[in-house]
Protein backbone atom coordinates (compact mmCIF):
# COMPACT_ATOMS: atom_id res chain seq x y z
CA UNK A 1 105.36 69.45 112.64
CA UNK A 2 102.03 67.83 111.71
CA UNK A 3 100.06 70.66 113.29
CA UNK A 4 102.21 73.27 111.55
CA UNK A 5 101.45 71.73 108.16
CA UNK A 6 97.80 71.31 108.99
CA UNK A 7 97.05 74.75 110.43
CA UNK A 8 99.54 77.29 109.08
CA UNK A 9 97.40 78.35 106.11
CA UNK A 10 94.33 78.68 108.33
CA UNK A 11 96.33 80.85 110.75
CA UNK A 12 97.81 82.98 107.94
CA UNK A 13 94.40 83.65 106.36
CA UNK A 14 92.72 84.35 109.72
CA UNK A 15 95.46 86.82 110.66
CA UNK A 16 95.13 88.46 107.24
CA UNK A 17 91.34 88.88 107.57
CA UNK A 18 91.59 90.07 111.20
CA UNK A 19 94.17 92.66 110.15
CA UNK A 20 92.03 93.69 107.19
CA UNK A 21 88.95 94.06 109.39
CA UNK A 22 90.89 95.99 112.03
CA UNK A 23 92.09 98.62 109.54
CA UNK A 24 88.83 98.85 107.59
CA UNK A 25 87.54 101.83 109.55
CA UNK A 26 88.56 105.46 109.17
CA UNK A 27 87.84 105.73 105.46
CA UNK A 28 86.48 108.64 103.49
CA UNK A 29 82.76 109.10 102.99
CA UNK A 30 81.34 107.15 100.06
CA UNK A 31 79.59 109.18 97.36
CA UNK A 32 78.93 106.31 94.93
CA UNK A 33 78.74 102.59 95.62
CA UNK A 34 78.02 99.42 93.68
CA UNK A 35 74.74 97.64 94.30
CA UNK A 36 74.10 95.35 97.25
CA UNK A 37 73.28 92.51 94.84
CA UNK A 38 76.69 92.86 93.18
CA UNK A 39 78.47 92.76 96.55
CA UNK A 40 76.41 89.77 97.74
CA UNK A 41 77.09 87.70 94.62
CA UNK A 42 80.82 88.41 94.94
CA UNK A 43 80.78 87.51 98.66
CA UNK A 44 79.03 84.19 98.01
CA UNK A 45 81.51 83.22 95.29
CA UNK A 46 84.53 84.20 97.42
CA UNK A 47 83.12 82.21 100.37
CA UNK A 48 82.65 79.22 98.07
CA UNK A 49 86.31 79.53 96.98
CA UNK A 50 87.42 79.72 100.62
CA UNK A 51 85.36 76.63 101.46
CA UNK A 52 86.84 74.73 98.52
CA UNK A 53 90.34 75.46 99.81
CA UNK A 54 89.64 75.41 103.52
CA UNK A 55 87.59 72.27 103.84
CA UNK A 56 89.31 69.71 101.63
CA UNK A 57 87.44 66.81 103.18
CA UNK A 58 84.21 67.79 101.40
CA UNK A 59 83.51 64.63 99.45
CA UNK A 60 82.53 65.76 95.96
CA UNK A 61 83.77 63.46 93.20
CA UNK A 62 86.84 64.77 91.39
CA UNK A 63 87.66 67.66 93.75
CA UNK A 64 90.43 65.81 95.53
CA UNK A 65 92.19 64.75 92.31
CA UNK A 66 95.82 65.88 92.67
CA UNK A 67 97.55 68.11 90.14
CA UNK A 68 100.70 68.23 92.32
CA UNK A 69 102.33 65.44 94.31
CA UNK A 70 102.10 65.23 98.09
CA UNK A 71 105.52 66.48 99.15
CA UNK A 72 107.25 69.32 100.94
CA UNK A 73 108.05 71.45 97.91
CA UNK A 74 104.42 72.30 96.95
CA UNK A 75 103.66 73.11 100.58
CA UNK A 76 106.63 75.47 101.07
CA UNK A 77 106.31 77.00 97.61
CA UNK A 78 102.63 77.60 98.22
CA UNK A 79 103.27 79.12 101.63
CA UNK A 80 105.85 81.54 100.20
CA UNK A 81 103.52 82.55 97.34
CA UNK A 82 100.64 83.04 99.79
CA UNK A 83 102.70 85.18 102.17
CA UNK A 84 104.10 87.29 99.32
CA UNK A 85 100.66 87.78 97.80
CA UNK A 86 98.94 88.73 101.04
CA UNK A 87 101.86 90.98 101.96
CA UNK A 88 101.56 92.74 98.58
CA UNK A 89 97.85 93.34 99.15
CA UNK A 90 98.51 94.72 102.65
CA UNK A 91 101.13 97.09 101.21
CA UNK A 92 98.58 98.24 98.61
CA UNK A 93 95.86 98.70 101.22
CA UNK A 94 98.16 100.79 103.40
CA UNK A 95 99.15 102.91 100.40
CA UNK A 96 95.50 103.46 99.46
CA UNK A 97 94.79 104.76 102.95
CA UNK A 98 91.39 106.38 103.49
CA UNK A 99 90.43 105.90 99.81
CA UNK A 100 89.95 102.15 100.37
CA UNK A 101 86.63 100.34 100.53
CA UNK A 102 85.62 96.72 100.30
CA UNK A 103 83.11 97.37 97.56
CA UNK A 104 83.55 99.40 94.39
CA UNK A 105 83.05 103.03 95.43
CA UNK A 106 83.97 106.57 94.69
CA UNK A 107 84.91 108.46 97.83
CA UNK A 108 84.46 112.09 98.76
CA UNK A 109 87.69 113.81 97.65
CA UNK A 110 88.83 110.55 96.04
CA UNK A 111 92.54 110.52 95.15
CA UNK A 112 94.13 108.65 92.26
CA UNK A 113 96.97 106.60 93.75
CA UNK A 114 99.63 105.59 91.21
CA UNK A 115 102.75 104.98 93.30
CA UNK A 116 103.93 102.22 95.62
CA UNK A 117 102.41 98.92 94.48
CA UNK A 118 100.09 100.92 92.20
CA UNK A 119 103.13 101.69 90.04
CA UNK A 120 103.36 97.96 89.20
CA UNK A 121 99.67 97.08 88.73
CA UNK A 122 96.44 99.09 88.88
CA UNK A 123 94.75 96.65 91.26
CA UNK A 124 97.49 95.33 93.58
CA UNK A 125 95.07 94.28 96.31
CA UNK A 126 93.41 91.94 93.82
CA UNK A 127 96.79 90.74 92.55
CA UNK A 128 97.82 89.95 96.12
CA UNK A 129 94.59 88.11 96.87
CA UNK A 130 94.87 86.06 93.70
CA UNK A 131 98.45 85.15 94.62
CA UNK A 132 97.28 84.23 98.12
CA UNK A 133 94.73 81.83 96.66
CA UNK A 134 97.22 80.47 94.10
CA UNK A 135 99.75 79.79 96.85
CA UNK A 136 97.17 78.06 99.00
CA UNK A 137 96.13 75.96 96.00
CA UNK A 138 99.71 74.97 95.22
CA UNK A 139 100.17 73.82 98.82
CA UNK A 140 96.92 71.85 98.70
CA UNK A 141 97.75 70.41 95.26
CA UNK A 142 94.17 69.36 94.46
CA UNK A 143 91.76 70.30 91.67
CA UNK A 144 89.52 72.05 94.21
CA UNK A 145 92.26 74.69 94.48
CA UNK A 146 92.22 75.34 90.74
CA UNK A 147 88.44 75.77 90.86
CA UNK A 148 88.81 78.18 93.80
CA UNK A 149 91.42 80.14 91.82
CA UNK A 150 89.13 80.39 88.81
CA UNK A 151 86.27 81.66 91.01
CA UNK A 152 88.44 84.28 92.72
CA UNK A 153 90.01 85.43 89.48
CA UNK A 154 86.61 85.71 87.76
CA UNK A 155 85.03 87.62 90.63
CA UNK A 156 87.94 90.04 90.94
CA UNK A 157 88.17 90.52 87.17
CA UNK A 158 84.53 91.59 87.02
CA UNK A 159 85.05 93.86 90.03
CA UNK A 160 88.14 95.51 88.55
CA UNK A 161 86.35 96.15 85.25
CA UNK A 162 83.63 98.06 87.13
CA UNK A 163 86.25 99.86 89.19
CA UNK A 164 88.22 100.84 86.07
CA UNK A 165 85.07 102.20 84.45
CA UNK A 166 84.18 104.29 87.51
CA UNK A 167 87.73 105.58 87.97
CA UNK A 168 87.86 106.56 84.29
CA UNK A 169 84.61 108.49 84.76
CA UNK A 170 85.99 110.11 87.91
CA UNK A 171 89.51 110.99 86.74
CA UNK A 172 89.24 111.04 82.94
CA UNK A 173 92.42 111.44 80.92
CA UNK A 174 94.88 110.96 83.84
CA UNK A 175 93.32 107.57 84.55
CA UNK A 176 93.29 106.65 80.85
CA UNK A 177 97.05 107.40 80.65
CA UNK A 178 97.63 105.40 83.84
CA UNK A 179 95.74 102.42 82.30
CA UNK A 180 97.88 102.63 79.16
CA UNK A 181 101.06 102.60 81.22
CA UNK A 182 100.21 100.13 84.03
CA UNK A 183 98.61 96.66 83.64
CA UNK A 184 95.57 95.70 85.70
CA UNK A 185 96.84 92.59 87.53
CA UNK A 186 100.11 91.24 86.12
CA UNK A 187 102.85 93.71 85.13
CA UNK A 188 103.30 93.96 81.33
CA UNK A 189 100.84 91.07 80.75
CA UNK A 190 97.26 91.61 81.97
């Protein structure tokens, strides 16, 4: 059981990223893309968040302070939240199909997807990723997880603001109505 507790989150995240990488091909041609600098800054901050969660033995004062007790309930609650979040993002990615890209882009013959998980939130892949990080942080129960969550949320919030702006330029009034009806990340809240 020790190895299960120690490695399950690592296995879940590796499987998630392998799946994501495997399906990342066969997308539409990009006609507009965010800058390389923007993508690199986001990548560095996401990697930092992953390191904060994934390497808890990094000895930086205060990072290992616990906000949750060491017990089974944070672990299992965190695992369930992580699995639900990553599953939600996979559902969204599959629904997006060939319109998907890792960076903010506009595709050739870009379609506005508003059903499936996109009927609940405008950016369900980001919602799922945030939940994945939140779940992992709950299981870890240390301040480093809260810092990782703040980094991921901030990075994805900036990315979604750019994406919203570009999609509004691309689709105009239909996207504006969609934004009025559907929240960005949390249904009816944010």
